[in-house]
Amino acid sequence: MKHYPHYLDLKPARHAKGTVRLPGSKSISNRTLLLAALADGTTHIKDLLASDDTHVMLMALQKLGVEWEQLGESQDYVVRGVSGALPVHHADLFMGNAGTAIRPLTAALAVIGGDYTLHGVSRMHERPIADLVDALNGVGANIGYTGEPGFPPLHIQRGRIHAERLKVRGDVSSQFLTALLMAAPLMARECDVTIDVVGELISKPYIEITLNLMRRFGVEVRRDAWRSFTIRAGQPYRSPDTIHVEGDASSASYFLAAGAIAGGPVRVEGVGMGSIQGDVRFVEALRQMGATVTLGDNWIEAESSGALHAIDADFNHIPDAAMTIAVAALYADGTSVLRNIGSWRVKETDRIAAMTTELRKLGATVEEGADYLRITPPDVIQAAAIDTYDDHRMAMCFSLATLDGAIRRGARIRINDPQCVAKTFPDYFSAFAKVTQDSLF
């Protein structure tokens, strides 16, 4: 895995052009690992993401007695399912800052039963989990807090689950609903289980990923719009034998934005028009900004021949990829507004506050609201040292500020703590250098 120094200096790049093979999707990788572990049978997973977050999940499954192996130096894995009955009933699990690992594991362990502690890095202990815990404890789970109430660390003990109907808030994190959905077949052994969503459900495309993967593992979910989800009794997870992990659509956004800002064409491979990831809808935002985007079965390509247009849009459906738009807005012909992004507050860092601070370093005028950003680009993008807040997407987004656009030149940018990209894309800066003609100092 790539290791970086404490900071990385990037020089301005006049043009972006080339092809990037994407790493596997984090969202798909960690969901697939857990489903494969819970399933009956052995699953061959191809192109699993190599990252800190997937490593956290793999290590947790190993501690829980799930057998898996990596095939040589490839990103192909074999996971031997436990048919919903974990061999190890007492474990201490370190979850890093991986929301895609701790939320579903919490639900699964609470339902299966045992004595487990889950904890992570300091930021993980600031990320809310009360809505998920309340939903599970409300149907007989026994989950307690060992630190501040409402946040990890957690202590899970054996409860008495009697779940026919659960309810969970949908307006903080879609991962809470994903966790309940993935654990629901373990509850629905003898009776149907219905999960009701309270309030607006954010990040709906991520729920689509969950439902799609559950279907691949033999479980059908009946959905009533986005208000409730019902899992019929007697649907155990069964291995699909082999499953391929798509390239990460969120990671694709940086390279597609590079093509839109600095001419292109830039093509990403590993994700395309047939993707199950909602973040492919990032291309709609790029098109609104004036870029030309083309999609194939397993690739997407972006280019532009002029200035980007300012955008005013709701990004509730693609909160991760929307961060890329915030930096692309530096190259727009006016003020851009990113709306309905309140979930940024509870991500790897408070991304609204972090993005505001770092964009201002570059000379932008930024208005920060509870769930929106208003970004007016500067006349000249200023050189700056960008703090990344141990947040992989901050590091990757701000590399784009080095690009020369149609109406503004890029600046010299220092990325502090570039190693944080290991969470999802360890080789990001090498890939970025290839499409920007080696922009590293």
Protein backbone atom coordinates (compact mmCIF):
# COMPACT_ATOMS: atom_id res chain seq x y z
CA MET A 1 0.00 0.00 0.00
CA LYS A 2 1.28 3.47 -0.90
CA HIS A 3 2.84 5.51 1.93
CA TYR A 4 3.12 9.29 1.76
CA PRO A 5 5.16 11.88 3.67
CA HIS A 6 3.53 14.27 6.15
CA TYR A 7 2.62 16.59 3.29
CA LEU A 8 2.55 16.49 -0.48
CA ASP A 9 3.19 19.46 -2.76
CA LEU A 10 1.26 19.64 -6.03
CA LYS A 11 2.17 22.08 -8.77
CA PRO A 12 -0.27 23.68 -11.24
CA ALA A 13 -1.32 21.44 -14.12
CA ARG A 14 -2.24 22.90 -17.52
CA HIS A 15 -4.26 19.97 -18.80
CA ALA A 16 -5.91 16.75 -17.63
CA LYS A 17 -6.12 13.83 -20.00
CA GLY A 18 -5.92 10.06 -19.73
CA THR A 19 -7.51 6.91 -18.32
CA VAL A 20 -7.78 5.72 -14.72
CA ARG A 21 -8.73 2.26 -13.53
CA LEU A 22 -10.78 2.79 -10.37
CA PRO A 23 -10.33 0.90 -7.10
CA GLY A 24 -13.34 -1.06 -5.88
CA SER A 25 -16.28 0.69 -4.26
CA LYS A 26 -15.98 1.03 -0.47
CA SER A 27 -19.74 0.86 -0.02
CA ILE A 28 -20.05 -2.30 -2.08
CA SER A 29 -16.89 -3.89 -0.64
CA ASN A 30 -17.84 -3.70 3.04
CA ARG A 31 -21.47 -4.63 2.46
CA THR A 32 -20.37 -7.61 0.38
CA LEU A 33 -17.88 -8.78 3.01
CA LEU A 34 -20.50 -8.81 5.75
CA LEU A 35 -23.17 -10.47 3.61
CA ALA A 36 -20.68 -13.11 2.47
CA ALA A 37 -19.76 -13.75 6.11
CA LEU A 38 -23.41 -14.13 7.17
CA ALA A 39 -24.39 -16.27 4.19
CA ASP A 40 -24.65 -20.00 3.74
CA GLY A 41 -21.84 -21.11 1.43
CA THR A 42 -18.51 -19.83 0.14
CA THR A 43 -18.29 -16.55 -1.79
CA HIS A 44 -15.56 -15.53 -4.21
CA ILE A 45 -15.28 -11.72 -4.16
CA LYS A 46 -13.44 -10.18 -7.10
CA ASP A 47 -11.80 -6.72 -7.11
CA LEU A 48 -12.39 -5.96 -3.44
CA LEU A 49 -11.19 -2.49 -2.47
CA ALA A 50 -7.77 -2.44 -0.78
CA SER A 51 -8.12 0.28 1.85
CA ASP A 52 -8.12 1.04 5.56
CA ASP A 53 -11.91 0.65 5.77
CA THR A 54 -12.02 -2.79 4.17
CA HIS A 55 -9.04 -3.88 6.29
CA VAL A 56 -11.04 -2.91 9.39
CA MET A 57 -13.95 -5.09 8.26
CA LEU A 58 -11.73 -8.02 7.33
CA MET A 59 -9.96 -7.93 10.71
CA ALA A 60 -13.27 -7.72 12.57
CA LEU A 61 -14.66 -10.71 10.69
CA GLN A 62 -11.49 -12.66 11.41
CA LYS A 63 -11.83 -11.93 15.14
CA LEU A 64 -15.42 -13.14 14.96
CA GLY A 65 -14.27 -16.48 13.58
CA VAL A 66 -15.15 -15.94 9.92
CA GLU A 67 -12.64 -17.66 7.63
CA TRP A 68 -11.41 -15.73 4.60
CA GLU A 69 -8.35 -15.69 2.41
CA GLN A 70 -6.81 -13.40 -0.17
CA LEU A 71 -5.89 -15.09 -3.41
CA GLY A 72 -2.23 -14.30 -4.00
CA GLU A 73 -1.44 -10.63 -4.61
CA SER A 74 -4.79 -9.99 -6.28
CA GLN A 75 -7.80 -8.21 -4.80
CA ASP A 76 -9.80 -11.42 -5.04
CA TYR A 77 -10.96 -13.00 -1.78
CA VAL A 78 -12.72 -16.15 -0.66
CA VAL A 79 -15.09 -15.83 2.33
CA ARG A 80 -16.58 -18.89 4.00
CA GLY A 81 -20.00 -18.00 5.32
CA VAL A 82 -21.21 -18.93 8.80
CA SER A 83 -24.94 -19.21 7.99
CA GLY A 84 -25.84 -16.45 10.43
CA ALA A 85 -24.15 -18.06 13.46
CA LEU A 86 -20.79 -16.52 14.37
CA PRO A 87 -18.23 -18.94 15.85
CA VAL A 88 -16.84 -16.37 18.33
CA HIS A 89 -19.24 -14.96 20.93
CA HIS A 90 -16.87 -12.61 22.77
CA ALA A 91 -14.63 -10.09 20.97
CA ASP A 92 -13.16 -6.60 21.16
CA LEU A 93 -13.39 -4.98 17.73
CA PHE A 94 -11.48 -1.93 16.50
CA MET A 95 -13.49 -0.19 13.75
CA GLY A 96 -11.18 2.72 12.87
CA ASN A 97 -13.32 5.45 11.31
CA ALA A 98 -15.26 3.09 9.05
CA GLY A 99 -18.96 3.90 9.21
CA THR A 100 -19.65 1.25 6.57
CA ALA A 101 -18.22 -1.31 8.98
CA ILE A 102 -19.36 -0.30 12.47
CA ARG A 103 -23.04 0.42 11.68
CA PRO A 104 -23.93 -2.90 9.94
CA LEU A 105 -21.77 -4.93 12.34
CA THR A 106 -23.50 -3.34 15.32
CA ALA A 107 -26.89 -4.45 14.01
CA ALA A 108 -25.75 -7.95 13.06
CA LEU A 109 -23.99 -8.58 16.38
CA ALA A 110 -26.92 -7.25 18.40
CA VAL A 111 -29.26 -9.69 16.65
CA ILE A 112 -26.94 -12.72 16.65
CA GLY A 113 -26.06 -12.22 20.32
CA GLY A 114 -22.86 -12.44 22.33
CA ASP A 115 -20.58 -10.10 24.24
CA TYR A 116 -18.85 -7.59 21.99
CA THR A 117 -17.21 -4.18 22.31
CA LEU A 118 -16.85 -1.89 19.28
CA HIS A 119 -14.64 1.19 19.28
CA GLY A 120 -12.57 3.24 16.86
CA VAL A 121 -10.47 6.35 16.40
CA SER A 122 -11.41 9.53 18.25
CA ARG A 123 -13.48 10.87 15.34
CA MET A 124 -15.54 7.67 15.28
CA HIS A 125 -16.45 8.36 18.89
CA GLU A 126 -17.90 11.70 17.74
CA ARG A 127 -20.10 10.21 15.01
CA PRO A 128 -23.70 9.63 16.14
CA ILE A 129 -25.12 6.13 16.37
CA ALA A 130 -28.04 6.65 18.78
CA ASP A 131 -30.75 6.29 16.12
CA LEU A 132 -29.49 2.82 15.21
CA VAL A 133 -29.01 1.78 18.85
CA ASP A 134 -32.47 3.05 19.81
CA ALA A 135 -34.08 1.12 16.94
CA LEU A 136 -32.36 -2.11 17.98
CA ASN A 137 -32.86 -1.71 21.73
CA GLY A 138 -36.51 -0.96 21.01
CA VAL A 139 -36.99 -4.55 19.80
CA GLY A 140 -35.04 -6.28 22.55
CA ALA A 141 -31.36 -5.78 21.76
CA ASN A 142 -28.97 -5.01 24.61
CA ILE A 143 -26.55 -2.30 23.45
CA GLY A 144 -24.91 0.07 25.90
CA TYR A 145 -22.56 3.03 25.63
CA THR A 146 -19.19 2.90 27.38
CA GLY A 147 -18.43 6.55 26.66
CA GLU A 148 -20.69 9.46 25.77
CA PRO A 149 -24.31 8.35 25.32
CA GLY A 150 -25.34 8.32 21.67
CA PHE A 151 -21.83 7.63 20.34
CA PRO A 152 -19.36 4.75 20.16
CA PRO A 153 -17.70 2.95 21.92
CA LEU A 154 -20.45 0.34 22.29
CA HIS A 155 -20.92 -2.74 24.45
CA ILE A 156 -23.24 -5.31 22.91
CA GLN A 157 -24.63 -8.10 25.08
CA ARG A 158 -27.13 -10.82 24.33
CA GLY A 159 -30.70 -9.55 24.21
CA ARG A 160 -34.11 -11.03 23.45
CA ILE A 161 -35.04 -9.87 19.95
CA HIS A 162 -38.77 -9.72 19.17
CA ALA A 163 -38.79 -7.76 15.95
CA GLU A 164 -41.86 -7.52 13.80
CA ARG A 165 -41.71 -3.77 13.32
CA LEU A 166 -38.83 -1.34 13.82
CA LYS A 167 -38.55 2.37 13.19
CA VAL A 168 -35.49 4.49 12.50
CA ARG A 169 -34.83 8.09 11.61
CA GLY A 170 -33.78 8.58 8.01
CA ASP A 171 -32.46 12.14 8.11
CA VAL A 172 -29.08 11.66 9.86
CA SER A 173 -27.37 8.79 8.02
CA SER A 174 -28.68 6.23 5.56
CA GLN A 175 -26.20 3.78 7.10
CA PHE A 176 -28.60 3.27 10.02
CA LEU A 177 -31.28 1.94 7.68
CA THR A 178 -28.69 -0.07 5.75
CA ALA A 179 -27.57 -1.70 9.00
CA LEU A 180 -31.13 -2.67 9.96
CA LEU A 181 -31.90 -3.96 6.48
CA MET A 182 -28.80 -6.16 6.43
CA ALA A 183 -29.59 -7.57 9.88
CA ALA A 184 -33.32 -8.00 9.21
CA PRO A 185 -33.15 -11.50 7.66
CA LEU A 186 -31.48 -12.66 10.89
CA MET A 187 -34.52 -11.37 12.79
CA ALA A 188 -37.07 -12.64 10.26
CA ARG A 189 -36.60 -16.33 10.85
CA GLU A 190 -40.21 -16.96 11.87
CA CYS A 191 -42.11 -13.76 11.12
CA ASP A 192 -41.92 -10.89 8.65
CA VAL A 193 -40.00 -7.80 9.73
CA THR A 194 -40.95 -4.27 8.67
CA ILE A 195 -38.69 -1.23 9.09
CA ASP A 196 -40.42 2.15 9.09
CA VAL A 197 -38.46 5.28 8.22
CA VAL A 198 -39.21 8.35 10.31
CA GLY A 199 -38.77 11.64 8.46
CA GLU A 200 -37.00 12.19 5.14
CA LEU A 201 -34.61 9.45 4.04
CA ILE A 202 -31.32 10.93 2.89
CA SER A 203 -28.80 9.35 0.50
CA LYS A 204 -31.39 7.05 -1.07
CA PRO A 205 -28.96 5.69 -3.69
CA TYR A 206 -26.94 4.05 -0.91
CA ILE A 207 -30.06 2.17 0.16
CA GLU A 208 -30.44 1.01 -3.43
CA ILE A 209 -26.92 -0.47 -3.19
CA THR A 210 -27.92 -2.32 -0.02
CA LEU A 211 -31.13 -3.71 -1.53
CA ASN A 212 -29.34 -4.76 -4.71
CA LEU A 213 -26.64 -6.65 -2.81
CA MET A 214 -29.15 -8.30 -0.47
CA ARG A 215 -30.96 -9.51 -3.58
CA ARG A 216 -27.69 -10.97 -4.90
CA PHE A 217 -27.45 -12.94 -1.66
CA GLY A 218 -30.99 -14.29 -1.98
CA VAL A 219 -33.06 -11.85 0.10
CA GLU A 220 -35.89 -9.81 -1.42
CA VAL A 221 -37.10 -6.65 0.29
CA ARG A 222 -40.55 -5.21 -0.38
CA ARG A 223 -40.41 -1.42 -0.39
CA ASP A 224 -43.30 1.00 0.16
CA ALA A 225 -41.84 4.04 -1.56
CA TRP A 226 -39.12 5.15 0.89
CA ARG A 227 -41.40 4.94 3.93
CA SER A 228 -41.10 1.30 4.92
CA PHE A 229 -39.27 -1.89 4.02
CA THR A 230 -40.53 -5.41 4.66
CA ILE A 231 -38.42 -8.58 4.75
CA ARG A 232 -40.45 -11.77 4.51
CA ALA A 233 -39.74 -14.56 6.99
CA GLY A 234 -37.51 -17.48 6.06
CA GLN A 235 -35.05 -15.77 3.69
CA PRO A 236 -31.55 -16.76 4.81
CA TYR A 237 -28.57 -15.28 3.03
CA ARG A 238 -27.15 -17.64 0.41
CA SER A 239 -23.87 -17.16 -1.39
CA PRO A 240 -24.08 -16.11 -5.06
CA ASP A 241 -20.81 -18.09 -5.51
CA THR A 242 -18.98 -15.20 -7.23
CA ILE A 243 -19.52 -11.46 -7.01
CA HIS A 244 -17.61 -8.59 -8.64
CA VAL A 245 -17.08 -5.26 -6.87
CA GLU A 246 -17.65 -2.24 -9.10
CA GLY A 247 -15.14 0.58 -9.30
CA ASP A 248 -15.83 3.33 -6.78
CA ALA A 249 -18.14 5.96 -8.25
CA SER A 250 -17.27 8.51 -5.57
CA SER A 251 -13.59 8.19 -6.46
CA ALA A 252 -14.49 8.58 -10.12
CA SER A 253 -15.78 12.08 -9.39
CA TYR A 254 -12.29 13.58 -8.94
CA PHE A 255 -11.03 12.43 -12.32
CA LEU A 256 -14.24 13.30 -14.15
CA ALA A 257 -14.14 16.76 -12.59
CA ALA A 258 -10.50 17.08 -13.71
CA GLY A 259 -11.59 16.41 -17.28
CA ALA A 260 -14.39 18.96 -16.96
CA ILE A 261 -12.11 21.64 -15.49
CA ALA A 262 -8.95 21.13 -17.52
CA GLY A 263 -10.12 20.04 -20.96
CA GLY A 264 -9.91 16.27 -20.89
CA PRO A 265 -10.91 13.83 -22.03
CA VAL A 266 -10.42 11.87 -18.82
CA ARG A 267 -11.88 8.38 -18.72
CA VAL A 268 -12.51 6.22 -15.64
CA GLU A 269 -12.87 2.47 -15.99
CA GLY A 270 -14.66 0.10 -13.64
CA VAL A 271 -18.00 1.89 -13.44
CA GLY A 272 -20.52 2.86 -16.11
CA MET A 273 -24.15 3.20 -17.11
CA GLY A 274 -25.09 -0.12 -15.49
CA SER A 275 -23.71 0.83 -12.08
CA ILE A 276 -25.68 0.13 -8.90
CA GLN A 277 -24.03 3.16 -7.24
CA GLY A 278 -25.98 6.36 -6.95
CA ASP A 279 -22.85 8.49 -7.20
CA VAL A 280 -22.77 7.92 -10.96
CA ARG A 281 -25.41 10.68 -10.93
CA PHE A 282 -22.49 13.01 -10.30
CA VAL A 283 -22.31 13.20 -14.09
CA GLU A 284 -25.65 15.05 -14.10
CA ALA A 285 -24.11 17.84 -12.03
CA LEU A 286 -21.08 18.03 -14.33
CA ARG A 287 -23.38 18.30 -17.33
CA GLN A 288 -25.29 21.12 -15.65
CA MET A 289 -21.96 22.87 -15.27
CA GLY A 290 -21.33 22.57 -19.01
CA ALA A 291 -19.10 19.51 -19.24
CA THR A 292 -19.51 16.83 -21.89
CA VAL A 293 -19.90 13.42 -20.26
CA THR A 294 -20.18 10.09 -22.07
CA LEU A 295 -21.00 6.73 -20.45
CA GLY A 296 -20.30 3.19 -21.61
CA ASP A 297 -21.08 -0.14 -19.99
CA ASN A 298 -17.97 -0.01 -17.80
CA TRP A 299 -16.52 3.47 -18.29
CA ILE A 300 -17.31 7.17 -18.03
CA GLU A 301 -15.51 10.00 -19.80
CA ALA A 302 -15.61 13.76 -19.20
CA GLU A 303 -14.26 16.73 -21.14
CA SER A 304 -14.94 20.41 -21.59
CA SER A 305 -14.08 23.13 -24.07
CA GLY A 306 -15.10 26.16 -22.05
CA ALA A 307 -15.77 27.69 -18.66
CA LEU A 308 -17.85 25.78 -16.16
CA HIS A 309 -21.22 27.25 -15.23
CA ALA A 310 -22.26 27.98 -11.68
CA ILE A 311 -24.67 25.44 -10.22
CA ASP A 312 -27.51 25.64 -7.70
CA ALA A 313 -28.70 22.16 -6.84
CA ASP A 314 -29.86 19.70 -4.17
CA PHE A 315 -27.13 17.15 -3.44
CA ASN A 316 -28.90 15.05 -0.85
CA HIS A 317 -28.67 12.01 -3.15
CA ILE A 318 -24.88 12.18 -3.68
CA PRO A 319 -23.36 13.73 -0.54
CA ASP A 320 -19.86 12.27 -1.00
CA ALA A 321 -19.46 13.17 -4.66
CA ALA A 322 -20.97 16.60 -3.98
CA MET A 323 -17.73 17.55 -2.21
CA THR A 324 -16.04 17.42 -5.61
CA ILE A 325 -18.53 19.95 -6.96
CA ALA A 326 -17.61 22.34 -4.13
CA VAL A 327 -14.03 22.53 -5.44
CA ALA A 328 -15.09 22.50 -9.09
CA ALA A 329 -17.14 25.60 -8.22
CA LEU A 330 -13.83 27.50 -8.00
CA TYR A 331 -13.75 27.30 -11.81
CA ALA A 332 -17.37 28.37 -12.40
CA ASP A 333 -18.56 31.62 -13.92
CA GLY A 334 -20.54 32.70 -10.84
CA THR A 335 -21.79 31.72 -7.41
CA SER A 336 -22.70 28.07 -6.81
CA VAL A 337 -24.99 26.75 -4.08
CA LEU A 338 -24.88 23.18 -2.76
CA ARG A 339 -28.11 22.44 -0.90
CA ASN A 340 -29.40 19.71 1.43
CA ILE A 341 -25.95 18.51 2.48
CA GLY A 342 -26.55 18.44 6.24
CA SER A 343 -25.23 14.86 6.42
CA TRP A 344 -21.75 16.31 5.79
CA ARG A 345 -21.76 17.36 9.45
CA VAL A 346 -21.52 13.77 10.72
CA LYS A 347 -19.05 12.29 8.25
CA GLU A 348 -15.31 11.65 8.76
CA THR A 349 -15.16 15.29 9.83
CA ASP A 350 -17.67 18.15 9.82
CA ARG A 351 -17.28 18.53 6.09
CA ILE A 352 -19.32 21.73 5.80
CA ALA A 353 -17.05 23.51 8.28
CA ALA A 354 -13.89 21.96 6.85
CA MET A 355 -14.78 22.77 3.26
CA THR A 356 -15.62 26.36 4.22
CA THR A 357 -12.27 26.86 5.95
CA GLU A 358 -10.16 25.38 3.16
CA LEU A 359 -12.00 27.04 0.26
CA ARG A 360 -11.47 30.39 1.95
CA LYS A 361 -7.71 29.70 2.00
CA LEU A 362 -7.89 29.56 -1.79
CA GLY A 363 -9.57 32.98 -1.93
CA ALA A 364 -13.19 31.88 -2.36
CA THR A 365 -16.04 33.67 -0.63
CA VAL A 366 -18.02 31.01 1.21
CA GLU A 367 -21.28 31.22 3.12
CA GLU A 368 -21.82 28.26 5.43
CA GLY A 369 -25.32 27.22 6.50
CA ALA A 370 -26.65 24.36 8.56
CA ASP A 371 -27.13 22.28 5.42
CA TYR A 372 -25.78 24.31 2.52
CA LEU A 373 -22.71 26.04 1.09
CA ARG A 374 -22.70 29.13 -1.12
CA ILE A 375 -19.41 29.43 -2.99
CA THR A 376 -18.24 32.46 -4.97
CA PRO A 377 -14.97 31.77 -6.77
CA PRO A 378 -12.02 34.13 -6.41
CA ASP A 379 -10.60 36.13 -9.28
CA VAL A 380 -7.36 34.21 -8.75
CA ILE A 381 -7.04 30.88 -6.93
CA GLN A 382 -4.47 31.36 -4.17
CA ALA A 383 -1.67 28.96 -3.28
CA ALA A 384 -2.40 27.30 0.05
CA ALA A 385 -1.61 24.49 2.46
CA ILE A 386 -4.78 22.42 2.77
CA ASP A 387 -5.59 20.69 6.04
CA THR A 388 -7.37 17.39 5.49
CA TYR A 389 -8.86 16.61 8.95
CA ASP A 390 -8.02 12.90 8.56
CA ASP A 391 -10.67 12.90 5.82
CA HIS A 392 -9.77 11.16 2.59
CA ARG A 393 -12.23 13.14 0.49
CA MET A 394 -10.84 16.49 1.63
CA ALA A 395 -7.40 15.44 0.39
CA MET A 396 -8.64 14.19 -2.97
CA CYS A 397 -11.02 17.08 -3.64
CA PHE A 398 -8.47 19.81 -3.14
CA SER A 399 -5.96 18.30 -5.55
CA LEU A 400 -8.31 19.70 -8.22
CA ALA A 401 -7.38 23.26 -7.24
CA THR A 402 -4.06 22.76 -9.06
CA LEU A 403 -5.76 22.56 -12.46
CA ASP A 404 -5.84 25.30 -15.07
CA GLY A 405 -9.42 25.92 -16.15
CA ALA A 406 -10.86 28.01 -18.96
CA ILE A 407 -11.16 31.17 -16.84
CA ARG A 408 -8.83 30.52 -13.86
CA ARG A 409 -5.41 29.03 -13.40
CA GLY A 410 -4.70 26.44 -10.77
CA ALA A 411 -2.41 27.15 -7.84
CA ARG A 412 0.39 25.44 -6.00
CA ILE A 413 -1.28 23.33 -3.34
CA ARG A 414 0.20 21.57 -0.33
CA ILE A 415 -1.90 18.65 0.92
CA ASN A 416 -1.25 18.01 4.60
CA ASP A 417 -1.50 14.40 5.80
CA PRO A 418 -1.98 12.90 2.33
CA GLN A 419 -1.86 9.41 3.88
CA CYS A 420 -5.54 9.81 4.80
CA VAL A 421 -6.46 8.76 1.24
CA ALA A 422 -5.62 5.19 2.30
CA LYS A 423 -9.18 5.01 3.67
CA THR A 424 -10.51 4.40 0.15
CA PHE A 425 -7.85 5.10 -2.53
CA PRO A 426 -4.25 4.52 -1.38
CA ASP A 427 -2.76 5.26 -4.82
CA TYR A 428 -4.86 8.35 -5.51
CA PHE A 429 -2.07 10.88 -5.96
CA SER A 430 -0.14 8.63 -8.32
CA ALA A 431 -3.27 8.19 -10.43
CA PHE A 432 -3.94 11.95 -10.34
CA ALA A 433 -0.36 12.67 -11.45
CA LYS A 434 -0.77 10.42 -14.48
CA VAL A 435 -3.76 12.32 -15.86
CA THR A 436 -2.28 15.75 -15.09
CA GLN A 437 1.15 15.12 -16.62
CA ASP A 438 2.95 14.42 -13.36
CA SER A 439 1.82 17.39 -11.28
CA LEU A 440 3.85 16.36 -8.22
CA PHE A 441 6.81 18.61 -7.36
